[in-house]
Amino acid sequence: MTNLVEELGDLHWYLALLMTTQERITGVNWETVLELNIAKLRKRYPNGVFDAEACQDRDVTAEQSELKQRIRTVRQSRVRREDQEPEGDQQWAKHDVPRKNR
């Protein structure tokens, strides 16, 4: 059990690092990733229960297309917000991220 806890902690660390990096690149944060995934699964399993047939018989192309559109919307929204944010030290302090990492 101790090893499982340790490994899960390591996994969490790597996931947090990956999500922080991808947010800087794509502008999509962890909360948005989770929201998009939940929306996808709700659409795939409308009754809220896993269904092996629905898992196999899905339109992957349509799911990916919808995801791309939602990501575009999120990124456009972020760009609009960033255009309205103050520049300089106030902006860096707001995000609580050291300036050299940006």
N, C-alpha and C. Protein backbone atom coordinates (compact mmCIF):
# COMPACT_ATOMS: atom_id res chain seq x y z
N MET A 1 0.82 -1.19 0.00
CA MET A 1 0.00 0.00 0.00
C MET A 1 0.87 1.26 0.00
N THR A 2 1.95 1.26 0.76
CA THR A 2 2.84 2.42 0.82
C THR A 2 3.39 2.74 -0.55
N ASN A 3 3.80 1.71 -1.30
CA ASN A 3 4.33 1.92 -2.64
C ASN A 3 3.28 2.51 -3.57
N LEU A 4 2.03 2.06 -3.45
CA LEU A 4 0.96 2.60 -4.29
C LEU A 4 0.77 4.09 -4.01
N VAL A 5 0.77 4.46 -2.75
CA VAL A 5 0.61 5.87 -2.38
C VAL A 5 1.77 6.69 -2.95
N GLU A 6 2.98 6.16 -2.83
CA GLU A 6 4.16 6.85 -3.35
C GLU A 6 4.05 7.02 -4.87
N GLU A 7 3.66 5.97 -5.56
CA GLU A 7 3.56 6.02 -7.02
C GLU A 7 2.45 6.98 -7.46
N LEU A 8 1.33 6.99 -6.74
CA LEU A 8 0.26 7.92 -7.06
C LEU A 8 0.71 9.37 -6.85
N GLY A 9 1.50 9.59 -5.81
CA GLY A 9 2.06 10.92 -5.59
C GLY A 9 2.97 11.34 -6.73
N ASP A 10 3.81 10.43 -7.19
CA ASP A 10 4.68 10.72 -8.34
C ASP A 10 3.85 11.01 -9.59
N LEU A 11 2.83 10.21 -9.81
CA LEU A 11 1.96 10.41 -10.96
C LEU A 11 1.30 11.79 -10.91
N HIS A 12 0.83 12.16 -9.73
CA HIS A 12 0.21 13.48 -9.56
C HIS A 12 1.20 14.59 -9.87
N TRP A 13 2.44 14.44 -9.40
CA TRP A 13 3.48 15.44 -9.67
C TRP A 13 3.70 15.60 -11.18
N TYR A 14 3.85 14.47 -11.89
CA TYR A 14 4.09 14.53 -13.33
C TYR A 14 2.89 15.13 -14.07
N LEU A 15 1.71 14.77 -13.64
CA LEU A 15 0.50 15.30 -14.26
C LEU A 15 0.40 16.82 -14.05
N ALA A 16 0.69 17.29 -12.84
CA ALA A 16 0.67 18.72 -12.56
C ALA A 16 1.69 19.46 -13.41
N LEU A 17 2.87 18.89 -13.56
CA LEU A 17 3.91 19.49 -14.39
C LEU A 17 3.47 19.55 -15.85
N LEU A 18 2.91 18.46 -16.33
CA LEU A 18 2.43 18.40 -17.71
C LEU A 18 1.32 19.42 -17.94
N MET A 19 0.38 19.51 -17.02
CA MET A 19 -0.74 20.42 -17.18
C MET A 19 -0.28 21.87 -17.12
N THR A 20 0.68 22.19 -16.28
CA THR A 20 1.20 23.55 -16.20
C THR A 20 1.88 23.93 -17.51
N THR A 21 2.65 23.01 -18.05
CA THR A 21 3.34 23.26 -19.31
C THR A 21 2.36 23.41 -20.46
N GLN A 22 1.40 22.50 -20.54
CA GLN A 22 0.46 22.57 -21.66
C GLN A 22 -0.43 23.80 -21.54
N GLU A 23 -0.72 24.27 -20.32
CA GLU A 23 -1.51 25.49 -20.17
C GLU A 23 -0.75 26.69 -20.73
N ARG A 24 0.54 26.74 -20.47
CA ARG A 24 1.35 27.85 -21.01
C ARG A 24 1.36 27.82 -22.53
N ILE A 25 1.36 26.63 -23.11
CA ILE A 25 1.44 26.49 -24.56
C ILE A 25 0.08 26.70 -25.22
N THR A 26 -0.95 26.05 -24.67
CA THR A 26 -2.26 26.06 -25.33
C THR A 26 -3.23 27.07 -24.76
N GLY A 27 -3.00 27.49 -23.52
CA GLY A 27 -3.94 28.40 -22.88
C GLY A 27 -5.14 27.69 -22.26
N VAL A 28 -5.10 26.37 -22.23
CA VAL A 28 -6.20 25.59 -21.65
C VAL A 28 -5.75 25.05 -20.30
N ASN A 29 -6.47 25.43 -19.24
CA ASN A 29 -6.06 25.02 -17.90
C ASN A 29 -6.65 23.66 -17.52
N TRP A 30 -6.22 23.16 -16.37
CA TRP A 30 -6.62 21.83 -15.89
C TRP A 30 -8.12 21.75 -15.70
N GLU A 31 -8.71 22.78 -15.13
CA GLU A 31 -10.16 22.79 -14.90
C GLU A 31 -10.92 22.66 -16.22
N THR A 32 -10.45 23.35 -17.23
CA THR A 32 -11.10 23.28 -18.55
C THR A 32 -10.95 21.89 -19.15
N VAL A 33 -9.77 21.29 -19.01
CA VAL A 33 -9.56 19.93 -19.52
C VAL A 33 -10.58 18.98 -18.88
N LEU A 34 -10.75 19.10 -17.56
CA LEU A 34 -11.71 18.23 -16.87
C LEU A 34 -13.14 18.51 -17.34
N GLU A 35 -13.49 19.78 -17.47
CA GLU A 35 -14.85 20.13 -17.93
C GLU A 35 -15.12 19.58 -19.32
N LEU A 36 -14.15 19.72 -20.22
CA LEU A 36 -14.33 19.21 -21.59
C LEU A 36 -14.46 17.70 -21.60
N ASN A 37 -13.68 17.03 -20.77
CA ASN A 37 -13.77 15.57 -20.72
C ASN A 37 -15.12 15.11 -20.15
N ILE A 38 -15.57 15.78 -19.12
CA ILE A 38 -16.87 15.43 -18.53
C ILE A 38 -17.98 15.65 -19.54
N ALA A 39 -17.93 16.76 -20.27
CA ALA A 39 -18.95 17.04 -21.29
C ALA A 39 -18.95 15.95 -22.37
N LYS A 40 -17.76 15.52 -22.77
CA LYS A 40 -17.64 14.46 -23.78
C LYS A 40 -18.25 13.16 -23.26
N LEU A 41 -17.93 12.81 -22.03
CA LEU A 41 -18.44 11.55 -21.47
C LEU A 41 -19.94 11.61 -21.22
N ARG A 42 -20.46 12.76 -20.83
CA ARG A 42 -21.92 12.90 -20.65
C ARG A 42 -22.65 12.70 -21.97
N LYS A 43 -22.06 13.22 -23.04
CA LYS A 43 -22.67 13.06 -24.36
C LYS A 43 -22.60 11.60 -24.80
N ARG A 44 -21.47 10.96 -24.53
CA ARG A 44 -21.28 9.57 -24.92
C ARG A 44 -22.15 8.62 -24.10
N TYR A 45 -22.28 8.92 -22.82
CA TYR A 45 -23.06 8.07 -21.89
C TYR A 45 -24.13 8.92 -21.22
N PRO A 46 -25.21 9.25 -21.95
CA PRO A 46 -26.21 10.17 -21.44
C PRO A 46 -26.89 9.71 -20.14
N ASN A 47 -26.95 8.41 -19.89
CA ASN A 47 -27.58 7.95 -18.65
C ASN A 47 -26.58 7.89 -17.49
N GLY A 48 -25.34 8.29 -17.75
CA GLY A 48 -24.33 8.37 -16.70
C GLY A 48 -23.69 7.05 -16.32
N VAL A 49 -23.91 6.01 -17.14
CA VAL A 49 -23.36 4.69 -16.85
C VAL A 49 -22.53 4.23 -18.05
N PHE A 50 -21.34 3.70 -17.76
CA PHE A 50 -20.49 3.19 -18.83
C PHE A 50 -21.23 2.12 -19.61
N ASP A 51 -21.10 2.19 -20.92
CA ASP A 51 -21.74 1.22 -21.81
C ASP A 51 -20.69 0.79 -22.83
N ALA A 52 -20.30 -0.49 -22.79
CA ALA A 52 -19.25 -0.99 -23.67
C ALA A 52 -19.60 -0.78 -25.14
N GLU A 53 -20.86 -0.92 -25.49
CA GLU A 53 -21.28 -0.73 -26.88
C GLU A 53 -21.12 0.74 -27.29
N ALA A 54 -21.55 1.65 -26.41
CA ALA A 54 -21.41 3.08 -26.71
C ALA A 54 -19.93 3.47 -26.79
N CYS A 55 -19.12 2.79 -26.03
CA CYS A 55 -17.68 3.05 -26.06
C CYS A 55 -17.09 2.67 -27.41
N GLN A 56 -17.55 1.57 -27.97
CA GLN A 56 -17.03 1.10 -29.26
C GLN A 56 -17.69 1.80 -30.44
N ASP A 57 -19.00 2.05 -30.34
CA ASP A 57 -19.77 2.63 -31.45
C ASP A 57 -19.92 4.13 -31.27
N ARG A 58 -18.82 4.83 -31.36
CA ARG A 58 -18.87 6.29 -31.24
C ARG A 58 -18.19 6.91 -32.44
N ASP A 59 -18.55 8.15 -32.69
CA ASP A 59 -17.98 8.88 -33.81
C ASP A 59 -16.78 9.67 -33.29
N VAL A 60 -15.61 9.05 -33.36
CA VAL A 60 -14.39 9.65 -32.83
C VAL A 60 -14.08 10.96 -33.56
N THR A 61 -14.29 10.98 -34.87
CA THR A 61 -14.02 12.19 -35.65
C THR A 61 -14.89 13.34 -35.17
N ALA A 62 -16.16 13.08 -34.93
CA ALA A 62 -17.07 14.12 -34.44
C ALA A 62 -16.67 14.57 -33.04
N GLU A 63 -16.27 13.63 -32.18
CA GLU A 63 -15.83 13.99 -30.82
C GLU A 63 -14.60 14.89 -30.88
N GLN A 64 -13.63 14.54 -31.72
CA GLN A 64 -12.42 15.34 -31.84
C GLN A 64 -12.71 16.72 -32.43
N SER A 65 -13.61 16.76 -33.40
CA SER A 65 -13.98 18.03 -34.01
C SER A 65 -14.64 18.95 -32.99
N GLU A 66 -15.54 18.40 -32.19
CA GLU A 66 -16.21 19.19 -31.16
C GLU A 66 -15.20 19.66 -30.11
N LEU A 67 -14.28 18.79 -29.74
CA LEU A 67 -13.26 19.16 -28.76
C LEU A 67 -12.38 20.30 -29.30
N LYS A 68 -11.97 20.20 -30.55
CA LYS A 68 -11.16 21.26 -31.15
C LYS A 68 -11.90 22.59 -31.13
N GLN A 69 -13.20 22.56 -31.45
CA GLN A 69 -13.99 23.79 -31.46
C GLN A 69 -14.10 24.37 -30.05
N ARG A 70 -14.31 23.52 -29.07
CA ARG A 70 -14.41 24.01 -27.69
C ARG A 70 -13.09 24.59 -27.21
N ILE A 71 -11.98 23.96 -27.59
CA ILE A 71 -10.66 24.48 -27.22
C ILE A 71 -10.43 25.84 -27.87
N ARG A 72 -10.81 25.98 -29.15
CA ARG A 72 -10.68 27.27 -29.82
C ARG A 72 -11.46 28.36 -29.08
N THR A 73 -12.67 28.02 -28.65
CA THR A 73 -13.51 28.97 -27.92
C THR A 73 -12.84 29.38 -26.61
N VAL A 74 -12.29 28.41 -25.88
CA VAL A 74 -11.61 28.69 -24.61
C VAL A 74 -10.41 29.59 -24.86
N ARG A 75 -9.63 29.28 -25.87
CA ARG A 75 -8.42 30.07 -26.16
C ARG A 75 -8.79 31.49 -26.57
N GLN A 76 -9.83 31.65 -27.38
CA GLN A 76 -10.26 32.99 -27.78
C GLN A 76 -10.73 33.78 -26.57
N SER A 77 -11.43 33.12 -25.69
CA SER A 77 -11.89 33.78 -24.47
C SER A 77 -10.71 34.23 -23.62
N ARG A 78 -9.69 33.39 -23.53
CA ARG A 78 -8.51 33.74 -22.74
C ARG A 78 -7.78 34.93 -23.36
N VAL A 79 -7.66 34.95 -24.68
CA VAL A 79 -6.99 36.06 -25.35
C VAL A 79 -7.74 37.36 -25.08
N ARG A 80 -9.08 37.31 -25.12
CA ARG A 80 -9.86 38.51 -24.83
C ARG A 80 -9.62 38.98 -23.40
N ARG A 81 -9.56 38.04 -22.44
CA ARG A 81 -9.31 38.41 -21.04
C ARG A 81 -7.91 39.00 -20.88
N GLU A 82 -6.91 38.39 -21.53
CA GLU A 82 -5.54 38.88 -21.41
C GLU A 82 -5.41 40.28 -21.98
N ASP A 83 -6.18 40.58 -23.02
CA ASP A 83 -6.15 41.93 -23.60
C ASP A 83 -6.66 42.96 -22.61
N GLN A 84 -7.47 42.53 -21.67
CA GLN A 84 -8.06 43.45 -20.70
C GLN A 84 -7.26 43.52 -19.40
N GLU A 85 -6.30 42.62 -19.19
CA GLU A 85 -5.52 42.58 -17.96
C GLU A 85 -4.43 43.64 -17.97
N PRO A 86 -4.08 44.16 -16.78
CA PRO A 86 -2.99 45.14 -16.72
C PRO A 86 -1.66 44.47 -17.05
N GLU A 87 -0.75 45.26 -17.57
CA GLU A 87 0.57 44.72 -17.90
C GLU A 87 1.54 45.02 -16.77
N GLY A 88 2.72 44.45 -16.87
CA GLY A 88 3.75 44.72 -15.88
C GLY A 88 3.67 43.80 -14.69
N ASP A 89 4.23 44.25 -13.58
CA ASP A 89 4.35 43.41 -12.38
C ASP A 89 3.01 42.98 -11.82
N GLN A 90 1.96 43.76 -11.99
CA GLN A 90 0.65 43.39 -11.47
C GLN A 90 0.18 42.08 -12.09
N GLN A 91 0.38 41.93 -13.38
CA GLN A 91 -0.06 40.71 -14.07
C GLN A 91 0.70 39.49 -13.56
N TRP A 92 2.02 39.62 -13.38
CA TRP A 92 2.80 38.48 -12.92
C TRP A 92 2.41 38.10 -11.50
N ALA A 93 2.21 39.09 -10.65
CA ALA A 93 1.84 38.82 -9.26
C ALA A 93 0.48 38.13 -9.21
N LYS A 94 -0.41 38.52 -10.07
CA LYS A 94 -1.76 37.94 -10.09
C LYS A 94 -1.70 36.43 -10.29
N HIS A 95 -0.82 35.98 -11.17
CA HIS A 95 -0.75 34.55 -11.49
C HIS A 95 0.16 33.79 -10.53
N ASP A 96 0.87 34.51 -9.69
CA ASP A 96 1.73 33.90 -8.68
C ASP A 96 2.74 32.94 -9.31
N VAL A 97 3.26 33.32 -10.47
CA VAL A 97 4.26 32.52 -11.16
C VAL A 97 5.48 33.40 -11.35
N PRO A 98 6.66 32.89 -11.01
CA PRO A 98 7.85 33.71 -11.18
C PRO A 98 8.00 34.18 -12.62
N ARG A 99 8.40 35.40 -12.79
CA ARG A 99 8.52 36.02 -14.11
C ARG A 99 9.43 35.22 -15.04
N LYS A 100 10.53 34.68 -14.54
CA LYS A 100 11.48 33.97 -15.40
C LYS A 100 10.88 32.72 -16.01
N ASN A 101 9.81 32.15 -15.44
CA ASN A 101 9.19 30.94 -15.99
C ASN A 101 8.19 31.23 -17.08
N ARG A 102 7.87 32.44 -17.31
CA ARG A 102 6.85 32.80 -18.31
C ARG A 102 7.44 32.96 -19.66
